[in-house]
Amino acid sequence: MAKQNPVTQFYHEKYEKQPQDYPGLQHKMTPVPDCGEETYQGAEKLVGKKALVTGADSGIGRAAAIAYAKEGADVAIAYHPDEQQDAEDVKAVIEKAGQTAVLLPGDLRDATYAKQMVKDAYDALGGLDILVLNAGMQQFEYDIQKLDSKQLTDTFEVNVFSTVYSIQEALNYLEAGSSIILTSSIQAMKPSPHLLDYAMTKSCNVSLTKGLAAQLGPKGIRVNAVAPGPVWTPLQICGGQPQDNIPEFGQNQPLQRAGQPVELADVYVLLASEKASFITGQVYGVTGGAPIN
């Protein structure tokens, strides 16, 4: 197999400015992010597993959901109702891979939904082995004095509170051998000045990962997190970044480009699989070269 230069292996040109309203639709992006629809190749690493992935309609969550299906897992997809078309597209990819897909629309700012989606996933799939808490809210603001209470509350409700509520419900169903995976961010360790509230929530995710891993270790349930760097997803164009940052988004990394969601898929697969039997309480950086330690 020919060697690939990681600098040029995926899209590495400038992006167009392309504002969308939150939460953003992947199918309207230019270029459309590569979530592994064609590029991810499975190897039966998760045969028979049942997974719930939040934010699975697009971006990193979509890549994880698609990879799980191609590895043999049935997948429940949680997403905001405004993202219905993207979710339907993921469902089609999962079913093409021969697996069951369950759609669970809702708003994670609603604590009731954050718990109910877990129960619904368990009931619809006939079990639950993998919980990926990936959905996130990110809206830029350069001036802390202009960071209003609604944005602060919304960001914590989606990125932190719903994560806790979902885990509380999931522990009614998860058995020894199960895996919980959080999506944190390089922002937890290297916060940008315009993403203070988002960075705070991602630090919470890291603390939760480490503390919960210690709590659940004796029960045989592993807890880990993935900390992405700049990755080309709808989160960036619908207020996650200023539009002036979009053309050169990610190009300040050592690999000189933003990542594509599919480039994180193998890490989510590893952490969900029995190959990670001795891995818990860890935060995996997939950043294009920026250190997380």
Protein backbone atom coordinates (compact mmCIF):
# COMPACT_ATOMS: atom_id res chain seq x y z
CA MET A 1 0.00 0.00 0.00
CA ALA A 2 1.36 3.40 -0.99
CA LYS A 3 2.40 5.78 1.77
CA GLN A 4 0.16 8.80 2.35
CA ASN A 5 1.43 12.26 3.25
CA PRO A 6 -0.85 13.36 6.13
CA VAL A 7 -0.45 17.01 5.12
CA THR A 8 -2.18 16.36 1.79
CA GLN A 9 -4.08 13.12 2.45
CA PHE A 10 -7.38 14.94 3.06
CA TYR A 11 -8.75 18.33 2.03
CA HIS A 12 -6.07 20.96 2.65
CA GLU A 13 -7.12 24.00 0.62
CA LYS A 14 -8.78 27.14 1.92
CA TYR A 15 -12.46 26.95 2.85
CA GLU A 16 -15.17 29.29 1.65
CA LYS A 17 -16.96 31.50 4.15
CA GLN A 18 -20.35 29.83 4.57
CA PRO A 19 -22.47 31.03 7.48
CA GLN A 20 -25.38 28.88 8.65
CA ASP A 21 -27.79 29.19 11.54
CA TYR A 22 -27.15 26.93 14.54
CA PRO A 23 -27.07 23.90 14.66
CA GLY A 24 -25.93 23.74 11.01
CA LEU A 25 -26.50 21.21 8.26
CA GLN A 26 -23.65 19.10 6.94
CA HIS A 27 -25.14 18.45 3.50
CA LYS A 28 -25.04 22.20 2.77
CA MET A 29 -21.33 22.59 3.55
CA THR A 30 -18.58 23.14 0.97
CA PRO A 31 -16.77 20.81 0.92
CA VAL A 32 -19.01 18.27 2.64
CA PRO A 33 -17.03 16.72 5.55
CA ASP A 34 -15.72 13.20 5.03
CA CYS A 35 -17.37 11.10 7.74
CA GLY A 36 -16.38 7.74 6.31
CA GLU A 37 -19.42 7.09 4.15
CA GLU A 38 -17.08 5.72 1.48
CA THR A 39 -13.63 5.95 3.06
CA TYR A 40 -14.05 4.00 6.31
CA GLN A 41 -13.50 0.26 5.99
CA GLY A 42 -14.74 -1.98 8.81
CA ALA A 43 -13.08 -5.10 10.21
CA GLU A 44 -15.79 -6.66 12.42
CA LYS A 45 -14.45 -5.09 15.62
CA LEU A 46 -17.89 -4.41 17.16
CA VAL A 47 -20.05 -7.27 15.92
CA GLY A 48 -23.22 -7.60 17.99
CA LYS A 49 -22.70 -4.37 19.94
CA LYS A 50 -25.43 -1.76 20.54
CA ALA A 51 -24.39 1.91 20.51
CA LEU A 52 -25.97 5.29 21.17
CA VAL A 53 -24.18 8.30 19.68
CA THR A 54 -25.31 11.88 20.32
CA GLY A 55 -24.78 14.51 17.67
CA ALA A 56 -24.57 11.64 15.20
CA ASP A 57 -26.22 13.43 12.28
CA SER A 58 -23.00 15.21 11.29
CA GLY A 59 -19.33 15.70 11.98
CA ILE A 60 -17.47 13.58 14.49
CA GLY A 61 -20.58 11.88 15.87
CA ARG A 62 -21.62 10.91 12.37
CA ALA A 63 -18.17 9.44 11.69
CA ALA A 64 -18.32 7.39 14.89
CA ALA A 65 -21.83 6.13 14.12
CA ILE A 66 -20.90 5.12 10.58
CA ALA A 67 -17.71 3.40 11.73
CA TYR A 68 -19.59 1.51 14.42
CA ALA A 69 -22.10 0.24 11.87
CA LYS A 70 -19.35 -0.81 9.49
CA GLU A 71 -17.72 -2.67 12.40
CA GLY A 72 -20.95 -4.62 13.02
CA ALA A 73 -22.83 -2.58 15.64
CA ASP A 74 -26.44 -1.42 15.64
CA VAL A 75 -26.63 2.32 16.27
CA ALA A 76 -29.10 4.79 17.75
CA ILE A 77 -28.59 8.33 16.49
CA ALA A 78 -29.49 11.28 18.74
CA TYR A 79 -29.69 14.69 17.05
CA HIS A 80 -31.44 18.06 17.06
CA PRO A 81 -34.76 18.00 15.16
CA ASP A 82 -33.53 20.73 12.79
CA GLU A 83 -30.95 18.24 11.48
CA GLN A 84 -33.46 15.65 10.26
CA GLN A 85 -32.15 15.36 6.69
CA ASP A 86 -28.56 14.79 7.84
CA ALA A 87 -29.81 12.15 10.29
CA GLU A 88 -31.78 10.39 7.56
CA ASP A 89 -28.61 10.29 5.45
CA VAL A 90 -26.70 8.61 8.29
CA LYS A 91 -29.50 6.13 8.80
CA ALA A 92 -29.25 5.13 5.14
CA VAL A 93 -25.48 4.55 5.43
CA ILE A 94 -25.92 2.41 8.55
CA GLU A 95 -28.65 0.32 6.93
CA LYS A 96 -26.54 -0.11 3.79
CA ALA A 97 -23.89 -1.61 6.08
CA GLY A 98 -26.50 -4.16 7.16
CA GLN A 99 -27.12 -2.77 10.65
CA THR A 100 -30.11 -1.36 12.51
CA ALA A 101 -30.37 2.44 12.80
CA VAL A 102 -32.70 4.21 15.24
CA LEU A 103 -33.43 7.95 14.99
CA LEU A 104 -33.92 9.84 18.27
CA PRO A 105 -34.54 13.55 17.64
CA GLY A 106 -34.61 15.97 20.56
CA ASP A 107 -33.00 18.93 22.32
CA LEU A 108 -30.30 18.12 24.88
CA ARG A 109 -31.09 21.32 26.74
CA ASP A 110 -34.14 19.36 27.94
CA ALA A 111 -33.07 17.17 30.87
CA THR A 112 -36.02 14.85 30.28
CA TYR A 113 -34.93 14.15 26.70
CA ALA A 114 -31.31 13.62 27.78
CA LYS A 115 -32.47 10.66 29.86
CA GLN A 116 -35.35 9.46 27.69
CA MET A 117 -33.19 9.06 24.58
CA VAL A 118 -31.02 6.57 26.46
CA LYS A 119 -34.01 4.50 27.53
CA ASP A 120 -35.45 4.68 24.01
CA ALA A 121 -32.13 3.56 22.51
CA TYR A 122 -31.94 0.61 24.90
CA ASP A 123 -35.51 -0.43 24.14
CA ALA A 124 -35.21 -0.02 20.37
CA LEU A 125 -31.84 -1.77 20.06
CA GLY A 126 -32.52 -4.47 22.61
CA GLY A 127 -29.51 -3.50 24.68
CA LEU A 128 -26.79 -0.90 25.14
CA ASP A 129 -23.03 -1.47 25.18
CA ILE A 130 -21.54 1.80 23.94
CA LEU A 131 -22.52 5.36 24.91
CA VAL A 132 -20.86 8.16 22.94
CA LEU A 133 -21.67 11.62 24.31
CA ASN A 134 -20.51 13.78 21.46
CA ALA A 135 -23.14 16.48 20.85
CA GLY A 136 -21.88 19.97 21.58
CA MET A 137 -22.69 23.65 21.46
CA GLN A 138 -19.99 26.18 20.54
CA GLN A 139 -20.62 29.87 19.89
CA PHE A 140 -17.76 32.36 19.74
CA GLU A 141 -17.57 35.53 21.82
CA TYR A 142 -14.40 37.58 22.19
CA ASP A 143 -15.59 39.73 25.12
CA ILE A 144 -16.52 38.04 28.40
CA GLN A 145 -18.66 41.04 29.30
CA LYS A 146 -20.83 40.26 26.28
CA LEU A 147 -21.18 36.56 27.14
CA ASP A 148 -24.89 36.50 27.95
CA SER A 149 -26.59 34.19 30.40
CA LYS A 150 -28.55 32.30 27.74
CA GLN A 151 -25.46 31.32 25.77
CA LEU A 152 -23.64 30.32 28.95
CA THR A 153 -26.58 28.25 30.15
CA ASP A 154 -27.22 26.62 26.77
CA THR A 155 -23.56 25.67 26.37
CA PHE A 156 -23.37 24.05 29.81
CA GLU A 157 -26.74 22.33 29.40
CA VAL A 158 -25.72 20.67 26.13
CA ASN A 159 -22.04 20.00 26.83
CA VAL A 160 -22.09 19.15 30.54
CA PHE A 161 -25.49 18.74 32.18
CA SER A 162 -26.99 16.48 29.49
CA THR A 163 -23.87 14.34 29.64
CA VAL A 164 -24.41 13.70 33.34
CA TYR A 165 -28.14 13.03 32.91
CA SER A 166 -27.51 10.59 30.06
CA ILE A 167 -24.89 8.69 32.03
CA GLN A 168 -27.20 8.49 35.04
CA GLU A 169 -29.83 6.82 32.88
CA ALA A 170 -27.39 4.62 30.99
CA LEU A 171 -26.06 3.07 34.18
CA ASN A 172 -29.43 1.38 34.54
CA TYR A 173 -28.54 -0.67 31.44
CA LEU A 174 -24.76 -0.78 30.95
CA GLU A 175 -23.08 -3.97 32.09
CA ALA A 176 -19.46 -4.99 32.63
CA GLY A 177 -17.61 -4.66 29.33
CA SER A 178 -19.50 -1.54 28.30
CA SER A 179 -17.82 1.70 27.24
CA ILE A 180 -18.65 5.37 27.77
CA ILE A 181 -16.87 7.83 25.47
CA LEU A 182 -17.02 11.62 25.79
CA THR A 183 -15.99 14.12 23.16
CA SER A 184 -13.88 16.76 24.87
CA SER A 185 -11.60 19.14 22.93
CA ILE A 186 -8.13 20.58 22.76
CA GLN A 187 -9.94 23.65 24.09
CA ALA A 188 -9.98 21.97 27.51
CA MET A 189 -6.19 22.24 27.66
CA LYS A 190 -5.50 25.12 25.27
CA PRO A 191 -8.51 27.48 25.37
CA SER A 192 -8.98 30.09 22.67
CA PRO A 193 -9.89 33.60 23.86
CA HIS A 194 -13.14 33.60 21.87
CA LEU A 195 -14.35 30.22 23.19
CA LEU A 196 -14.21 30.65 26.96
CA ASP A 197 -17.57 29.08 27.81
CA TYR A 198 -17.02 26.18 25.40
CA ALA A 199 -13.51 25.59 26.75
CA MET A 200 -14.83 25.51 30.32
CA THR A 201 -17.34 22.81 29.42
CA LYS A 202 -14.70 20.73 27.72
CA SER A 203 -12.55 20.92 30.84
CA CYS A 204 -15.58 19.58 32.70
CA ASN A 205 -15.68 16.66 30.28
CA VAL A 206 -12.07 15.81 31.08
CA SER A 207 -12.69 15.91 34.84
CA LEU A 208 -15.81 13.80 34.45
CA THR A 209 -13.95 11.24 32.37
CA LYS A 210 -11.17 10.78 34.89
CA GLY A 211 -13.38 10.78 37.98
CA LEU A 212 -16.07 8.55 36.52
CA ALA A 213 -13.49 6.06 35.24
CA ALA A 214 -12.32 5.61 38.83
CA GLN A 215 -15.90 5.26 40.05
CA LEU A 216 -16.99 2.74 37.42
CA GLY A 217 -13.77 0.79 37.01
CA PRO A 218 -14.70 -1.82 39.64
CA LYS A 219 -17.95 -2.41 37.74
CA GLY A 220 -16.05 -3.20 34.54
CA ILE A 221 -17.32 -0.11 32.69
CA ARG A 222 -14.63 1.91 30.94
CA VAL A 223 -14.80 5.71 30.51
CA ASN A 224 -12.58 7.64 28.10
CA ALA A 225 -12.61 10.86 26.11
CA VAL A 226 -11.44 12.05 22.71
CA ALA A 227 -10.02 15.57 22.45
CA PRO A 228 -10.21 16.78 18.84
CA GLY A 229 -8.34 19.75 17.50
CA PRO A 230 -9.73 21.71 14.53
CA VAL A 231 -12.04 19.39 12.59
CA TRP A 232 -14.22 20.41 9.64
CA THR A 233 -17.79 20.09 10.94
CA PRO A 234 -21.01 22.16 10.97
CA LEU A 235 -20.13 23.28 14.50
CA GLN A 236 -17.52 25.62 13.03
CA ILE A 237 -19.63 27.46 10.46
CA CYS A 238 -22.79 28.06 12.51
CA GLY A 239 -21.20 30.34 15.08
CA GLY A 240 -18.44 28.16 16.44
CA GLN A 241 -15.89 30.32 14.65
CA PRO A 242 -16.03 33.83 13.22
CA GLN A 243 -16.50 33.64 9.46
CA ASP A 244 -13.18 35.45 9.00
CA ASN A 245 -11.47 32.42 10.57
CA ILE A 246 -13.07 29.89 8.21
CA PRO A 247 -10.84 30.21 5.08
CA GLU A 248 -7.67 29.18 6.94
CA PHE A 249 -9.37 27.05 9.59
CA GLY A 250 -6.92 24.50 11.01
CA GLN A 251 -3.96 25.62 8.94
CA ASN A 252 -2.00 26.75 12.00
CA GLN A 253 -1.54 23.13 13.14
CA PRO A 254 1.70 21.21 12.51
CA LEU A 255 -0.08 19.22 9.78
CA GLN A 256 -1.23 22.53 8.26
CA ARG A 257 -4.91 21.65 7.79
CA ALA A 258 -8.13 20.88 9.59
CA GLY A 259 -8.99 17.26 10.21
CA GLN A 260 -11.86 15.39 8.62
CA PRO A 261 -14.29 13.57 10.94
CA VAL A 262 -13.36 10.15 9.53
CA GLU A 263 -9.83 10.66 10.85
CA LEU A 264 -11.18 10.31 14.40
CA ALA A 265 -13.32 7.26 13.73
CA ASP A 266 -10.67 4.66 14.51
CA VAL A 267 -10.11 6.15 17.96
CA TYR A 268 -13.82 5.93 18.78
CA VAL A 269 -13.83 2.35 17.53
CA LEU A 270 -10.80 1.41 19.60
CA LEU A 271 -12.25 2.88 22.79
CA ALA A 272 -15.56 1.08 22.21
CA SER A 273 -13.95 -2.26 21.46
CA GLU A 274 -12.54 -5.03 23.61
CA LYS A 275 -9.09 -4.15 22.24
CA ALA A 276 -9.23 -1.28 24.77
CA SER A 277 -9.81 -3.63 27.72
CA PHE A 278 -7.07 -1.94 29.79
CA ILE A 279 -7.81 1.64 28.74
CA THR A 280 -9.95 3.83 31.00
CA GLY A 281 -9.75 7.36 32.36
CA GLN A 282 -7.76 8.52 29.33
CA VAL A 283 -8.08 11.52 27.02
CA TYR A 284 -6.98 10.85 23.42
CA GLY A 285 -5.84 13.89 21.45
CA VAL A 286 -6.53 13.92 17.70
CA THR A 287 -5.37 17.42 16.91
CA GLY A 288 -3.17 17.55 13.84
CA GLY A 289 -0.14 17.92 16.05
CA ALA A 290 -1.05 20.40 18.79
CA PRO A 291 -0.16 18.89 22.20
CA ILE A 292 -2.88 18.24 24.78
CA ASN A 293 -0.50 17.58 27.68
